[in-house]
Protein backbone atom coordinates (compact mmCIF):
# COMPACT_ATOMS: atom_id res chain seq x y z
CA MET A 1 0.31 -0.33 0.00
CA PHE A 2 1.16 3.40 -0.75
CA ARG A 3 2.09 4.87 2.42
CA LYS A 4 1.36 8.78 2.30
CA LEU A 5 4.36 10.51 3.59
CA LEU A 6 5.43 14.23 2.75
CA LEU A 7 8.54 15.38 3.64
CA PHE A 8 9.31 19.39 3.22
CA LEU A 9 12.54 20.50 4.34
CA CYS A 10 11.96 24.56 3.95
CA ALA A 11 11.60 26.54 6.25
CA SER A 12 9.08 30.09 7.14
CA ALA A 13 8.11 32.02 4.09
CA ALA A 14 8.85 35.54 6.04
CA ALA A 15 12.37 34.10 6.42
CA PRO A 16 14.97 35.93 4.11
CA MET A 17 16.34 33.13 1.43
CA PRO A 18 19.43 31.23 2.63
CA VAL A 19 23.05 31.60 2.10
CA PRO A 20 25.50 29.09 0.94
CA ALA A 21 26.03 27.29 4.32
CA ALA A 22 29.69 27.67 5.17
CA VAL A 23 31.95 23.93 5.58
CA ARG A 24 34.74 22.60 6.12
CA VAL A 25 37.19 21.61 3.11
CA LYS A 26 37.46 18.24 5.54
CA GLU A 27 33.52 17.57 4.31
CA LEU A 28 33.47 18.57 0.79
CA ALA A 29 37.04 16.81 -0.45
CA SER A 30 39.59 14.08 0.34
CA LEU A 31 42.78 13.43 -0.84
CA GLU A 32 44.14 12.28 -3.85
CA GLY A 33 45.37 8.74 -3.06
CA VAL A 34 44.29 8.00 0.37
CA ARG A 35 41.95 5.30 0.18
CA GLU A 36 40.05 2.87 1.80
CA ASN A 37 41.03 -1.02 0.93
CA GLN A 38 38.92 -3.93 0.03
CA LEU A 39 39.59 -7.60 1.73
CA ILE A 40 38.29 -10.95 0.88
CA GLY A 41 38.55 -14.36 2.55
CA TYR A 42 37.40 -17.79 2.95
CA GLY A 43 36.56 -19.45 6.23
CA LEU A 44 34.25 -21.84 7.90
CA VAL A 45 32.15 -20.97 11.02
CA VAL A 46 31.66 -23.53 13.78
CA GLY A 47 29.83 -24.00 16.93
CA LEU A 48 26.49 -23.56 14.73
CA ALA A 49 23.33 -25.74 16.29
CA GLY A 50 22.53 -27.62 13.38
CA THR A 51 21.77 -24.88 10.82
CA GLY A 52 25.16 -25.48 9.25
CA ASP A 53 25.67 -26.43 5.46
CA ARG A 54 24.19 -29.65 4.66
CA ARG A 55 25.56 -32.82 2.81
CA GLN A 56 25.09 -31.76 -0.94
CA THR A 57 28.16 -28.76 -0.44
CA ALA A 58 31.24 -30.30 -0.38
CA PHE A 59 33.81 -27.79 -0.28
CA PRO A 60 32.85 -27.37 3.36
CA ALA A 61 33.68 -31.06 4.45
CA GLN A 62 36.46 -30.89 1.87
CA SER A 63 37.60 -27.48 3.72
CA LEU A 64 37.23 -29.04 7.57
CA THR A 65 39.39 -32.07 6.09
CA ASN A 66 42.32 -29.86 5.44
CA MET A 67 42.28 -28.10 8.47
CA LEU A 68 41.85 -31.19 10.51
CA GLU A 69 45.16 -32.33 8.37
CA ARG A 70 47.06 -29.29 9.31
CA MET A 71 46.14 -30.39 12.73
CA GLY A 72 47.68 -33.88 13.05
CA VAL A 73 44.18 -35.58 12.03
CA THR A 74 43.42 -37.73 8.91
CA VAL A 75 39.90 -38.00 8.13
CA PRO A 76 38.57 -38.63 4.37
CA PRO A 77 35.84 -35.67 3.44
CA THR A 78 33.24 -38.79 2.26
CA ALA A 79 33.30 -39.41 5.86
CA ILE A 80 32.56 -36.01 7.23
CA SER A 81 28.69 -35.34 8.02
CA VAL A 82 28.70 -31.87 10.17
CA LYS A 83 25.67 -29.83 10.61
CA ASN A 84 27.55 -27.34 12.82
CA THR A 85 29.73 -26.21 10.45
CA ALA A 86 29.14 -23.85 7.64
CA ALA A 87 31.16 -22.28 4.67
CA VAL A 88 31.98 -18.28 4.50
CA MET A 89 33.53 -15.24 2.66
CA VAL A 90 34.46 -12.65 4.86
CA THR A 91 34.98 -9.34 3.93
CA ALA A 92 36.40 -6.12 5.63
CA THR A 93 37.30 -3.10 4.57
CA LEU A 94 40.97 -1.52 5.58
CA PRO A 95 41.40 2.28 6.30
CA ALA A 96 43.94 3.79 4.66
CA PHE A 97 47.16 4.58 6.85
CA SER A 98 46.20 1.54 9.26
CA GLN A 99 49.07 0.26 11.23
CA SER A 100 50.15 -3.53 12.33
CA GLY A 101 47.55 -4.45 15.22
CA ALA A 102 44.74 -2.46 14.36
CA ARG A 103 41.50 -3.62 14.70
CA ILE A 104 38.52 -3.69 12.01
CA ASP A 105 35.53 -5.42 11.85
CA VAL A 106 34.72 -8.01 9.22
CA THR A 107 31.24 -9.50 7.83
CA ALA A 108 30.78 -13.31 7.14
CA ALA A 109 28.17 -14.31 4.66
CA SER A 110 27.29 -17.91 4.33
CA MET A 111 28.04 -19.35 0.71
CA GLY A 112 26.43 -22.80 0.76
CA ASP A 113 22.91 -23.86 2.09
CA ALA A 114 23.41 -23.05 5.44
CA SER A 115 20.08 -21.72 7.39
CA ASN A 116 21.59 -19.81 10.41
CA LEU A 117 24.78 -18.40 11.26
CA GLN A 118 23.72 -17.18 14.85
CA GLY A 119 26.05 -18.16 17.78
CA GLY A 120 28.42 -19.24 15.10
CA LEU A 121 32.94 -18.68 15.32
CA LEU A 122 34.77 -17.50 12.91
CA LEU A 123 37.84 -19.96 12.91
CA LEU A 124 41.20 -17.57 12.18
CA THR A 125 40.51 -16.58 8.17
CA SER A 126 43.15 -14.74 5.79
CA LEU A 127 42.05 -11.51 4.16
CA ARG A 128 43.90 -10.75 1.07
CA GLY A 129 43.94 -7.39 -1.08
CA ALA A 130 43.70 -6.99 -4.88
CA ASN A 131 47.47 -8.26 -5.33
CA GLY A 132 46.42 -11.42 -3.42
CA GLN A 133 48.74 -10.74 -0.55
CA VAL A 134 47.10 -11.16 3.28
CA TYR A 135 46.36 -7.66 4.98
CA ALA A 136 45.05 -9.15 7.67
CA VAL A 137 43.37 -11.92 9.99
CA ALA A 138 40.18 -12.44 11.37
CA GLN A 139 38.46 -14.73 14.34
CA GLY A 140 35.80 -14.39 16.39
CA PRO A 141 32.16 -15.18 17.76
CA VAL A 142 29.51 -14.23 14.87
CA VAL A 143 26.87 -11.76 15.34
CA THR A 144 23.69 -12.02 12.95
CA GLY A 145 21.48 -8.98 13.00
CA GLY A 146 18.20 -11.50 12.73
CA PHE A 147 17.26 -14.90 13.65
CA SER A 148 15.45 -18.02 12.51
CA ALA A 149 12.98 -19.75 14.91
CA GLY A 150 10.89 -22.69 14.10
CA ARG A 151 11.17 -25.89 11.98
CA GLY A 152 10.04 -27.21 8.70
CA GLY A 153 6.73 -25.45 7.35
CA ASN A 154 6.26 -23.67 10.90
CA SER A 155 9.18 -21.24 10.99
CA GLN A 156 9.87 -17.53 10.71
CA SER A 157 13.14 -15.67 9.72
CA VAL A 158 13.65 -11.76 10.76
CA ASN A 159 16.25 -9.99 8.87
CA HIS A 160 19.12 -12.04 7.21
CA PRO A 161 20.67 -14.74 9.73
CA THR A 162 22.59 -16.09 7.30
CA VAL A 163 25.06 -12.67 7.65
CA GLY A 164 26.76 -11.73 10.26
CA ARG A 165 29.20 -9.48 11.99
CA VAL A 166 32.34 -10.32 13.72
CA ALA A 167 32.83 -6.91 15.60
CA ALA A 168 36.39 -5.83 15.77
CA GLY A 169 37.51 -9.17 14.85
CA GLY A 170 39.71 -8.42 11.88
CA LEU A 171 43.62 -7.82 12.88
CA VAL A 172 45.76 -5.76 10.54
CA GLU A 173 48.78 -7.83 9.69
CA ARG A 174 50.56 -5.26 7.14
CA SER A 175 49.41 -1.70 6.38
CA PRO A 176 48.39 -1.17 3.13
CA PRO A 177 50.12 0.91 0.30
CA SER A 178 49.49 4.49 0.94
CA VAL A 179 50.75 7.64 -0.90
CA ALA A 180 52.84 9.99 1.08
CA PRO A 181 51.82 13.50 1.39
CA PRO A 182 53.71 15.33 -1.95
CA SER A 183 54.90 18.75 -1.85
CA VAL A 184 51.48 19.61 -4.29
CA ILE A 185 48.35 18.14 -2.52
CA LYS A 186 45.63 17.51 -5.04
CA LEU A 187 41.86 17.36 -3.06
CA GLN A 188 39.08 15.15 -4.85
CA LEU A 189 35.61 16.97 -4.59
CA ARG A 190 33.32 14.59 -3.26
CA ARG A 191 30.53 16.24 -5.46
CA PRO A 192 32.53 17.96 -8.60
CA ASP A 193 31.43 21.27 -8.76
CA PHE A 194 32.73 24.32 -11.12
CA THR A 195 31.45 27.12 -8.18
CA THR A 196 32.41 25.06 -5.91
CA ALA A 197 36.16 24.18 -6.65
CA SER A 198 36.87 27.79 -7.61
CA ARG A 199 35.48 28.94 -3.98
CA MET A 200 37.73 26.53 -2.36
CA ALA A 201 41.09 27.77 -4.30
CA GLU A 202 39.60 30.73 -3.32
CA ALA A 203 39.02 30.13 0.27
CA LEU A 204 42.80 28.94 0.62
CA ASN A 205 44.46 31.33 -1.44
CA LYS A 206 43.70 33.61 1.14
CA ARG A 207 44.20 31.38 4.27
CA PHE A 208 47.85 30.27 2.94
CA GLY A 209 48.73 32.40 -0.20
CA SER A 210 48.14 35.67 -1.65
CA GLU A 211 47.08 37.35 -4.87
CA ARG A 212 50.20 37.73 -6.35
CA VAL A 213 51.67 34.32 -5.02
CA PRO A 214 48.79 31.86 -5.26
CA VAL A 215 49.05 28.51 -3.29
CA ALA A 216 45.60 26.76 -4.98
CA ARG A 217 44.32 26.24 -8.25
CA ALA A 218 41.23 24.51 -9.10
CA GLU A 219 42.35 22.52 -12.45
CA ASN A 220 38.84 21.38 -13.18
CA PRO A 221 35.29 20.73 -11.12
CA ALA A 222 36.71 17.84 -9.32
CA LEU A 223 40.33 18.82 -8.48
CA VAL A 224 42.16 21.45 -7.05
CA SER A 225 45.59 21.39 -6.27
CA VAL A 226 47.73 22.96 -3.33
CA THR A 227 51.20 23.73 -3.19
CA THR A 228 52.76 23.11 0.31
CA PRO A 229 54.06 26.75 1.64
CA GLU A 230 57.92 27.11 2.47
CA SER A 231 56.74 27.54 6.25
CA TYR A 232 54.95 23.77 6.04
CA THR A 233 57.63 21.97 4.14
CA GLU A 234 58.22 19.93 7.42
CA LYS A 235 55.02 19.59 8.67
CA ARG A 236 53.03 18.39 5.86
CA VAL A 237 50.95 16.57 8.10
CA ASP A 238 50.38 20.24 10.01
CA PHE A 239 49.49 21.46 7.03
CA ILE A 240 46.51 18.95 5.56
CA ALA A 241 45.04 19.50 8.77
CA ALA A 242 45.41 23.38 8.50
CA ILE A 243 43.53 22.66 4.95
CA GLU A 244 40.51 20.66 6.43
CA ALA A 245 40.13 23.20 8.68
CA VAL A 246 39.10 25.86 6.07
CA PRO A 247 35.68 26.86 5.67
CA VAL A 248 34.20 27.35 2.10
CA ASP A 249 30.59 28.28 1.08
CA ALA A 250 29.63 25.06 -1.04
CA ASP A 251 27.20 25.80 -4.17
CA ARG A 252 24.52 23.00 -4.59
CA VAL A 253 22.04 22.13 -7.31
CA ALA A 254 18.46 23.08 -6.27
CA LYS A 255 17.06 19.43 -6.64
CA ILE A 256 13.69 17.93 -5.51
CA VAL A 257 13.82 14.29 -5.04
CA VAL A 258 11.02 11.84 -4.95
CA ASN A 259 10.97 8.50 -4.10
CA GLU A 260 7.52 7.15 -5.44
CA ARG A 261 7.24 3.78 -3.40
CA THR A 262 7.22 5.17 -0.30
CA GLY A 263 5.48 8.64 -1.16
CA THR A 264 8.53 10.98 0.24
CA ILE A 265 9.19 14.44 -1.51
CA VAL A 266 12.29 16.21 0.04
CA LEU A 267 12.57 19.81 -1.41
CA GLY A 268 15.11 22.43 -0.73
CA ARG A 269 14.36 25.97 0.27
CA ASP A 270 16.21 27.27 -3.02
CA VAL A 271 13.86 25.60 -5.18
CA ARG A 272 12.21 28.32 -7.60
CA ILE A 273 8.77 28.55 -9.14
CA ALA A 274 8.15 30.38 -12.15
CA PRO A 275 4.74 32.32 -12.67
CA MET A 276 2.22 29.36 -13.14
CA ALA A 277 -1.49 28.09 -12.99
CA VAL A 278 -2.42 24.93 -11.62
CA LEU A 279 -5.78 23.51 -12.39
CA HIS A 280 -6.09 20.25 -10.51
CA GLY A 281 -8.62 18.13 -10.69
CA ASN A 282 -10.47 14.23 -9.91
CA LEU A 283 -12.30 12.07 -12.09
CA SER A 284 -13.49 8.63 -11.10
CA VAL A 285 -15.57 5.82 -12.20
CA GLU A 286 -17.02 2.87 -10.35
CA ILE A 287 -18.44 0.17 -11.61
CA GLN A 288 -20.18 -2.47 -9.21
CA THR A 289 -21.65 -6.04 -10.03
CA THR A 290 -23.87 -7.92 -7.70
CA PHE A 291 -24.95 -11.22 -8.31
CA ALA A 292 -28.76 -11.81 -7.98
CA VAL A 293 -30.70 -15.11 -7.87
CA SER A 294 -33.99 -15.60 -10.55
CA GLN A 295 -36.13 -18.03 -9.24
CA PRO A 296 -38.90 -19.41 -11.85
CA PRO A 297 -42.36 -19.83 -10.80
CA ALA A 298 -43.33 -23.24 -9.06
CA LEU A 299 -44.47 -25.92 -11.90
CA SER A 300 -42.87 -23.87 -14.49
CA GLY A 301 -40.02 -26.37 -15.38
CA GLY A 302 -37.62 -23.38 -15.13
CA LYS A 303 -34.16 -23.54 -13.50
CA THR A 304 -32.67 -21.45 -10.99
CA ALA A 305 -29.68 -19.26 -12.21
CA ILE A 306 -27.65 -16.43 -11.02
CA VAL A 307 -28.16 -13.08 -12.87
CA PRO A 308 -25.36 -10.32 -12.70
CA GLU A 309 -26.06 -6.79 -12.35
CA VAL A 310 -23.77 -4.02 -14.08
CA ALA A 311 -24.16 -0.59 -11.90
CA VAL A 312 -21.82 2.35 -13.43
CA SER A 313 -21.71 5.27 -11.67
CA ALA A 314 -19.07 8.42 -12.35
CA ARG A 315 -18.42 11.29 -10.05
CA GLU A 316 -15.73 14.09 -10.66
CA GLU A 317 -14.70 16.32 -8.49
CA LYS A 318 -14.48 20.20 -8.84
CA ALA A 319 -10.93 21.48 -10.34
CA ARG A 320 -9.07 23.28 -7.90
CA ASN A 321 -6.86 26.42 -8.94
CA VAL A 322 -3.43 27.20 -7.81
CA VAL A 323 -2.06 30.29 -9.02
CA LEU A 324 1.58 30.93 -8.53
CA LYS A 325 3.23 34.65 -8.88
CA GLU A 326 5.96 35.77 -9.88
CA GLY A 327 9.22 35.09 -7.75
CA ALA A 328 7.37 32.06 -5.47
CA THR A 329 9.17 29.69 -3.24
CA VAL A 330 9.08 26.36 -2.77
CA ASP A 331 7.55 27.96 0.16
CA ASP A 332 4.97 28.91 -1.54
CA LEU A 333 4.41 25.86 -3.57
CA VAL A 334 3.92 23.65 -0.13
CA LYS A 335 1.37 26.03 1.23
CA ALA A 336 -0.65 26.22 -1.88
CA LEU A 337 -0.47 22.05 -2.54
CA VAL A 338 -1.46 21.72 1.21
CA SER A 339 -4.51 24.14 0.77
CA ILE A 340 -5.84 22.40 -1.95
CA GLY A 341 -5.98 19.01 -0.20
CA SER A 342 -3.07 16.96 -2.84
CA THR A 343 -1.91 13.94 -1.80
CA PRO A 344 1.55 12.96 -2.10
CA ARG A 345 1.01 10.80 -5.32
CA GLU A 346 -1.11 13.80 -6.52
CA VAL A 347 2.15 16.29 -5.79
CA ILE A 348 3.82 14.01 -7.58
CA ALA A 349 1.96 14.39 -10.76
CA ILE A 350 2.17 18.22 -9.93
CA LEU A 351 5.74 18.47 -9.92
CA GLN A 352 6.66 16.55 -12.67
CA SER A 353 3.62 18.72 -14.69
CA LEU A 354 5.60 21.82 -13.67
CA ARG A 355 9.23 20.62 -14.71
CA ALA A 356 7.81 19.39 -18.32
CA ALA A 357 6.17 22.94 -18.04
CA GLY A 358 9.18 24.82 -17.82
CA ALA A 359 8.26 25.90 -14.31
CA LEU A 360 10.49 24.56 -11.92
CA GLU A 361 13.81 25.76 -11.66
CA ALA A 362 15.03 22.51 -9.97
CA GLU A 363 16.61 19.30 -11.01
CA LEU A 364 13.62 16.80 -10.27
CA GLU A 365 15.11 13.27 -9.43
CA LEU A 366 13.36 9.99 -8.86
CA ILE A 367 14.18 7.17 -7.02
């Protein structure tokens, strides 16, 4: 069922138009080369209460056999029938500049037909990077975000009990390849924008350079290069920390986000509406079919029959008119749509119509 949820992010109409909010460079950009690394590994989860992989999944038994052989126990794979073991893929994210001995969280997901990883213990698993080298090892109890109860046809599952998390279960063995801060630092904008990149370079020049000797330059809408001043040559980490603290007036595109599945509409207050008249009405046609019993007279030889009776009715509501004047803002649009009693689905249709008519000066994104 369509949930009637309408969310407007706006302020009072009497308030002045907002100015761009100043945010730190740290929230707008990241250093080129400073990135996270994805790790992956194959392991076994033991200690399950009969909810592990079944016999038709062959590789858990082979993995368990290989592990037992390394411990001095030789058992043929065909002779093993264990329901408390599950084969899992283990993934983790290794932060940049992680040092040996640091702890990270890991996620274990069932590969076979195990029904539940609740209460299991992840055995020592090597986590490798894209180059095949081991950067961390993982081991510990698996905590699932759901559960499964019951048996056979009378069972109930909540969330996904076949995926679990081992909090701080990963131990970093090797630091990832990271780039040392160079003499020319390059800032990558998370949301490429010409205006924001220009303002960022201007703010950095005011803070660390001058008009004659600029230290920052916007190379493109997604990259700003900064030259390290002589005073920070031996203190590049301090220079990066100072860069991240510089406030910048970020520019944002006027956007309306519409989620048709949930009926959620998010509007920014800087959305402008051109002069436009909205005429909105509703026509509903209802067709009802009832079944009546036709009973023949006594001794007539007829048979009792069911006769359908179809009734058609039409109802049309009066059109509701809304006029948006010159300089109308999203506040005026919100009040106008609420005043005519529009539902979220009707609001979505009106916004799409305004965008098609060229009256809505904003980007309309449907998710």
